[in-house]
N, C-alpha and C. Protein backbone atom coordinates (compact mmCIF):
# COMPACT_ATOMS: atom_id res chain seq x y z
N MET A 1 81.08 280.72 -113.32
CA MET A 1 80.64 280.99 -112.10
C MET A 1 78.99 281.23 -112.28
N GLY A 2 78.70 281.36 -113.59
CA GLY A 2 77.32 281.52 -113.97
C GLY A 2 76.29 280.62 -113.55
N ILE A 3 76.61 279.23 -113.60
CA ILE A 3 75.65 278.28 -113.15
C ILE A 3 75.70 278.34 -111.72
N TRP A 4 76.86 278.26 -110.99
CA TRP A 4 76.82 278.32 -109.59
C TRP A 4 76.00 279.56 -108.85
N THR A 5 76.18 280.74 -109.66
CA THR A 5 75.35 281.79 -109.09
C THR A 5 73.95 281.71 -109.21
N ASP A 6 73.37 280.97 -110.29
CA ASP A 6 71.97 280.68 -110.43
C ASP A 6 71.53 279.54 -109.49
N LEU A 7 72.36 278.74 -108.98
CA LEU A 7 71.96 277.61 -108.01
C LEU A 7 72.21 277.86 -106.66
N LEU A 8 73.06 278.77 -106.37
CA LEU A 8 73.39 278.82 -104.78
C LEU A 8 72.77 280.25 -104.25
N SER A 9 72.34 280.20 -103.04
CA SER A 9 72.04 281.24 -102.28
C SER A 9 73.20 282.40 -102.14
N THR A 10 74.34 281.71 -101.94
CA THR A 10 75.45 282.58 -101.81
C THR A 10 76.47 282.35 -103.01
N PRO A 11 76.40 283.28 -103.91
CA PRO A 11 77.22 283.16 -105.16
C PRO A 11 78.73 283.19 -104.82
N PRO A 12 79.53 282.37 -105.58
CA PRO A 12 80.94 282.40 -105.47
C PRO A 12 81.64 283.56 -105.79
N THR A 13 82.59 283.94 -104.82
CA THR A 13 83.50 285.22 -105.06
C THR A 13 84.84 284.94 -105.62
N SER A 14 85.34 283.76 -105.65
CA SER A 14 86.62 283.42 -106.33
C SER A 14 86.42 281.98 -106.90
N LEU A 15 87.49 281.65 -107.85
CA LEU A 15 87.40 280.52 -108.38
C LEU A 15 87.80 279.20 -107.48
N ALA A 16 88.25 279.65 -106.27
CA ALA A 16 88.58 278.59 -105.29
C ALA A 16 87.53 278.33 -104.17
N ASP A 17 86.35 279.01 -104.35
CA ASP A 17 85.20 278.70 -103.50
C ASP A 17 84.79 277.39 -103.76
N ASP A 18 84.41 276.54 -102.67
CA ASP A 18 83.89 275.26 -102.57
C ASP A 18 82.35 275.28 -102.74
N PHE A 19 81.79 274.44 -103.56
CA PHE A 19 80.40 274.24 -104.01
C PHE A 19 79.61 273.99 -102.60
N PHE A 20 80.17 273.09 -101.86
CA PHE A 20 79.24 272.73 -100.56
C PHE A 20 79.44 273.65 -99.60
N ALA A 21 80.59 274.55 -99.44
CA ALA A 21 80.96 275.37 -98.40
C ALA A 21 79.99 276.61 -98.66
N LEU A 22 79.42 276.83 -99.98
CA LEU A 22 78.55 277.85 -100.15
C LEU A 22 76.93 277.56 -100.17
N GLY A 23 76.77 276.27 -99.65
CA GLY A 23 75.42 275.81 -99.30
C GLY A 23 74.92 274.74 -100.10
N ALA A 24 75.56 274.23 -101.17
CA ALA A 24 75.13 273.23 -102.02
C ALA A 24 74.86 271.85 -101.17
N GLN A 25 73.73 271.17 -101.72
CA GLN A 25 73.21 269.81 -101.13
C GLN A 25 73.27 268.94 -102.43
N SER A 26 72.97 267.82 -102.14
CA SER A 26 72.93 266.58 -103.11
C SER A 26 71.97 267.09 -104.22
N LEU A 27 70.95 267.66 -104.02
CA LEU A 27 69.85 268.05 -105.10
C LEU A 27 70.55 269.32 -105.95
N THR A 28 71.31 270.10 -105.32
CA THR A 28 72.08 271.18 -105.96
C THR A 28 73.06 270.49 -106.85
N VAL A 29 73.65 269.35 -106.55
CA VAL A 29 74.79 268.77 -107.52
C VAL A 29 73.89 268.34 -108.69
N VAL A 30 72.68 267.77 -108.46
CA VAL A 30 71.92 267.00 -109.58
C VAL A 30 71.49 268.31 -110.48
N ARG A 31 71.22 269.34 -110.04
CA ARG A 31 70.79 270.48 -110.82
C ARG A 31 71.86 271.12 -111.60
N PHE A 32 73.07 271.04 -110.91
CA PHE A 32 74.41 271.49 -111.57
C PHE A 32 74.60 270.67 -112.84
N LEU A 33 74.59 269.29 -112.56
CA LEU A 33 74.90 268.49 -113.61
C LEU A 33 73.93 268.65 -114.86
N ALA A 34 72.62 268.69 -114.57
CA ALA A 34 71.62 268.92 -115.47
C ALA A 34 71.84 270.31 -116.28
N ASP A 35 72.26 271.40 -115.58
CA ASP A 35 72.56 272.62 -116.21
C ASP A 35 73.87 272.68 -116.99
N VAL A 36 74.85 271.94 -116.79
CA VAL A 36 76.19 271.82 -117.46
C VAL A 36 75.68 270.92 -118.71
N GLN A 37 74.87 269.88 -118.57
CA GLN A 37 74.47 269.17 -119.64
C GLN A 37 73.66 269.91 -120.73
N GLU A 38 72.69 270.79 -120.18
CA GLU A 38 71.89 271.60 -121.03
C GLU A 38 72.78 272.65 -121.64
N ARG A 39 73.75 273.40 -121.05
CA ARG A 39 74.44 274.45 -121.55
C ARG A 39 75.45 274.15 -122.38
N TYR A 40 76.17 273.02 -122.09
CA TYR A 40 77.43 272.55 -122.86
C TYR A 40 77.38 271.18 -123.61
N GLY A 41 76.28 270.55 -123.35
CA GLY A 41 75.97 269.25 -124.08
C GLY A 41 76.91 268.05 -123.60
N VAL A 42 77.47 268.25 -122.49
CA VAL A 42 78.13 267.21 -122.05
C VAL A 42 77.79 266.67 -120.65
N GLU A 43 78.02 265.38 -120.34
CA GLU A 43 77.70 264.81 -119.09
C GLU A 43 78.88 264.50 -118.14
N LEU A 44 78.91 265.18 -117.20
CA LEU A 44 80.10 265.17 -116.51
C LEU A 44 80.17 263.87 -115.59
N PRO A 45 81.39 263.27 -115.31
CA PRO A 45 81.53 262.10 -114.54
C PRO A 45 81.48 262.40 -113.17
N VAL A 46 80.41 262.08 -112.40
CA VAL A 46 80.20 262.55 -111.09
C VAL A 46 81.42 262.22 -110.19
N ASP A 47 81.90 260.91 -110.41
CA ASP A 47 82.98 260.55 -109.44
C ASP A 47 84.22 261.56 -109.63
N GLU A 48 84.34 262.02 -110.70
CA GLU A 48 85.41 263.15 -110.82
C GLU A 48 85.30 264.46 -110.10
N LEU A 49 83.94 264.63 -109.98
CA LEU A 49 83.65 266.00 -109.26
C LEU A 49 83.85 265.88 -107.85
N PHE A 50 83.92 264.63 -107.33
CA PHE A 50 84.10 264.46 -105.90
C PHE A 50 85.59 263.92 -105.44
N ALA A 51 86.25 263.60 -106.75
CA ALA A 51 87.62 263.22 -106.46
C ALA A 51 88.67 264.25 -105.78
N GLY A 52 88.34 265.48 -105.92
CA GLY A 52 89.07 266.32 -105.15
C GLY A 52 88.21 267.47 -104.59
N ASP A 53 88.67 268.54 -104.75
CA ASP A 53 87.94 269.69 -104.09
C ASP A 53 86.92 270.15 -105.26
N PHE A 54 85.65 270.42 -104.82
CA PHE A 54 84.54 270.82 -105.79
C PHE A 54 84.48 272.31 -105.75
N THR A 55 85.49 272.88 -106.51
CA THR A 55 85.49 274.48 -106.48
C THR A 55 85.15 274.82 -108.02
N VAL A 56 85.00 276.09 -108.16
CA VAL A 56 84.56 276.66 -109.35
C VAL A 56 85.56 276.29 -110.39
N ALA A 57 86.88 276.54 -110.14
CA ALA A 57 87.99 276.28 -111.00
C ALA A 57 87.96 274.77 -111.35
N ALA A 58 87.85 273.73 -110.40
CA ALA A 58 87.93 272.31 -110.80
C ALA A 58 86.74 271.94 -111.59
N ALA A 59 85.65 272.46 -111.29
CA ALA A 59 84.40 272.31 -112.19
C ALA A 59 84.63 272.72 -113.61
N ALA A 60 85.05 273.88 -113.86
CA ALA A 60 85.37 274.46 -115.06
C ALA A 60 86.26 273.70 -115.83
N ARG A 61 87.41 273.14 -115.15
CA ARG A 61 88.61 272.41 -115.69
C ARG A 61 87.83 270.97 -116.39
N LEU A 62 87.01 270.55 -115.47
CA LEU A 62 86.45 269.13 -115.71
C LEU A 62 85.53 269.43 -116.96
N ILE A 63 84.74 270.45 -117.01
CA ILE A 63 83.81 270.90 -118.22
C ILE A 63 84.86 270.89 -119.48
N ASP A 64 85.98 271.64 -119.29
CA ASP A 64 86.77 271.82 -120.55
C ASP A 64 87.26 270.45 -120.90
N GLU A 65 87.80 269.66 -120.00
CA GLU A 65 88.36 268.54 -120.32
C GLU A 65 87.45 267.41 -120.92
N THR A 66 86.08 267.53 -120.47
CA THR A 66 85.14 266.66 -121.10
C THR A 66 84.83 267.04 -122.57
N LEU A 67 84.73 268.35 -122.62
CA LEU A 67 84.40 268.95 -124.03
C LEU A 67 85.58 268.63 -124.90
N LEU A 68 86.73 268.88 -124.53
CA LEU A 68 87.94 268.48 -125.34
C LEU A 68 88.15 267.08 -125.62
N GLY A 69 87.73 266.23 -124.71
CA GLY A 69 87.73 264.76 -124.91
C GLY A 69 86.74 264.26 -125.89
N ALA A 70 85.79 265.05 -126.21
CA ALA A 70 84.76 264.71 -127.29
C ALA A 70 85.08 265.15 -128.71
N VAL A 71 86.09 265.85 -128.69
CA VAL A 71 86.59 266.54 -130.08
C VAL A 71 87.66 265.40 -130.73
N THR A 72 87.30 265.09 -131.86
CA THR A 72 88.20 264.10 -132.69
C THR A 72 89.32 264.96 -133.15
N GLU A 73 90.43 264.09 -133.52
CA GLU A 73 91.70 264.73 -134.11
C GLU A 73 91.36 265.45 -135.43
N ASP A 74 90.39 264.96 -136.27
CA ASP A 74 89.89 265.62 -137.55
C ASP A 74 89.20 266.87 -137.13
N GLN A 75 88.47 267.03 -136.22
CA GLN A 75 87.63 268.17 -135.86
C GLN A 75 88.70 269.30 -135.31
N LEU A 76 89.59 268.80 -134.55
CA LEU A 76 90.64 269.73 -133.92
C LEU A 76 91.48 270.24 -135.07
N ALA A 77 91.81 269.35 -136.14
CA ALA A 77 92.73 269.99 -137.15
C ALA A 77 91.91 270.93 -138.01
N GLU A 78 90.67 270.64 -138.34
CA GLU A 78 89.85 271.64 -138.91
C GLU A 78 89.83 272.99 -138.24
N LEU A 79 89.48 273.02 -136.88
CA LEU A 79 89.36 274.12 -136.00
C LEU A 79 90.76 274.93 -136.19
N LEU A 80 91.78 274.25 -136.05
CA LEU A 80 93.23 274.89 -136.12
C LEU A 80 93.41 275.55 -137.32
N ASP A 81 93.01 274.94 -138.51
CA ASP A 81 93.18 275.44 -139.85
C ASP A 81 92.22 276.73 -139.96
N GLU A 82 91.03 276.65 -139.44
CA GLU A 82 90.15 277.81 -139.58
C GLU A 82 90.78 278.99 -138.72
N LEU A 83 91.25 278.66 -137.45
CA LEU A 83 91.97 279.63 -136.59
C LEU A 83 93.08 280.34 -137.43
N GLU A 84 93.87 279.62 -137.99
CA GLU A 84 95.10 279.93 -138.73
C GLU A 84 94.72 281.00 -139.91
N GLY A 85 93.65 280.80 -140.39
CA GLY A 85 93.19 281.59 -141.55
C GLY A 85 92.60 282.84 -141.09
N MET A 86 92.36 282.96 -139.82
CA MET A 86 91.56 284.28 -139.27
C MET A 86 92.61 285.34 -138.87
N SER A 87 92.10 286.64 -139.07
CA SER A 87 92.89 287.70 -138.72
C SER A 87 92.97 287.71 -137.24
N GLU A 88 93.86 288.68 -136.68
CA GLU A 88 93.91 288.86 -135.22
C GLU A 88 92.66 289.48 -134.65
N GLN A 89 92.13 290.38 -135.64
CA GLN A 89 90.82 291.03 -135.20
C GLN A 89 89.75 289.96 -135.01
N ASP A 90 89.65 289.18 -135.94
CA ASP A 90 88.53 288.01 -135.88
C ASP A 90 88.74 287.17 -134.78
N VAL A 91 89.96 286.86 -134.42
CA VAL A 91 90.28 285.86 -133.12
C VAL A 91 89.90 286.62 -131.92
N ARG A 92 90.15 287.84 -131.74
CA ARG A 92 89.78 288.70 -130.73
C ARG A 92 88.27 288.82 -130.56
N ALA A 93 87.67 288.98 -131.66
CA ALA A 93 86.13 289.04 -131.66
C ALA A 93 85.46 287.78 -131.19
N LEU A 94 86.09 286.66 -131.70
CA LEU A 94 85.65 285.32 -131.29
C LEU A 94 85.90 284.95 -129.72
N LEU A 95 86.93 285.53 -129.23
CA LEU A 95 87.31 285.22 -127.80
C LEU A 95 86.18 286.21 -126.97
N ASP A 96 85.92 287.29 -127.43
CA ASP A 96 84.87 288.13 -126.64
C ASP A 96 83.44 287.67 -126.76
N GLU A 97 83.25 286.88 -127.73
CA GLU A 97 81.90 286.25 -127.76
C GLU A 97 81.87 285.04 -126.68
N GLY A 98 82.79 284.38 -126.39
CA GLY A 98 82.88 283.42 -125.58
C GLY A 98 82.92 282.12 -126.42
N SER A 99 82.99 280.95 -125.74
CA SER A 99 83.08 279.67 -126.74
C SER A 99 82.59 278.64 -125.76
N PRO A 100 82.15 277.45 -126.43
CA PRO A 100 81.59 276.22 -125.66
C PRO A 100 82.66 275.90 -124.45
N LEU A 101 83.78 276.17 -124.63
CA LEU A 101 84.81 275.77 -123.57
C LEU A 101 84.84 276.91 -122.39
N GLY A 102 84.06 277.74 -122.41
CA GLY A 102 84.08 278.82 -121.19
C GLY A 102 83.09 279.68 -121.36
N GLU A 103 82.86 280.53 -120.40
CA GLU A 103 81.89 281.62 -120.33
C GLU A 103 82.46 282.92 -120.59
N SER A 104 81.94 283.77 -121.19
CA SER A 104 82.36 285.09 -121.30
C SER A 104 81.61 286.05 -120.12
N SER A 105 82.04 286.91 -119.68
CA SER A 105 81.51 287.82 -118.53
C SER A 105 80.34 288.56 -119.09
N PRO A 106 79.30 288.70 -118.75
CA PRO A 106 78.26 289.67 -119.15
C PRO A 106 78.58 290.97 -119.05
């Protein structure tokens, strides 16, 4: 919700809030796409944003799917091996920091 809050005059209050119902226009979409690319390093397919409801949840899901699609099987195996070698405390600390697949709340 962080990017949306930065872009919209009315910040979202739930994951079901619609981007355009909150006042977004075509230029806002362009800024959203640029912010996602800068923050997460992925270029979202515009047609998929408009394939259904353009909600916070739908946008987050598309970002996650795009990020996961860029991960190779070898990279995923390495990450899983690293995760299995971590203590529960280390995993919790990592989750508290946030990850490229999501945002932690400030």
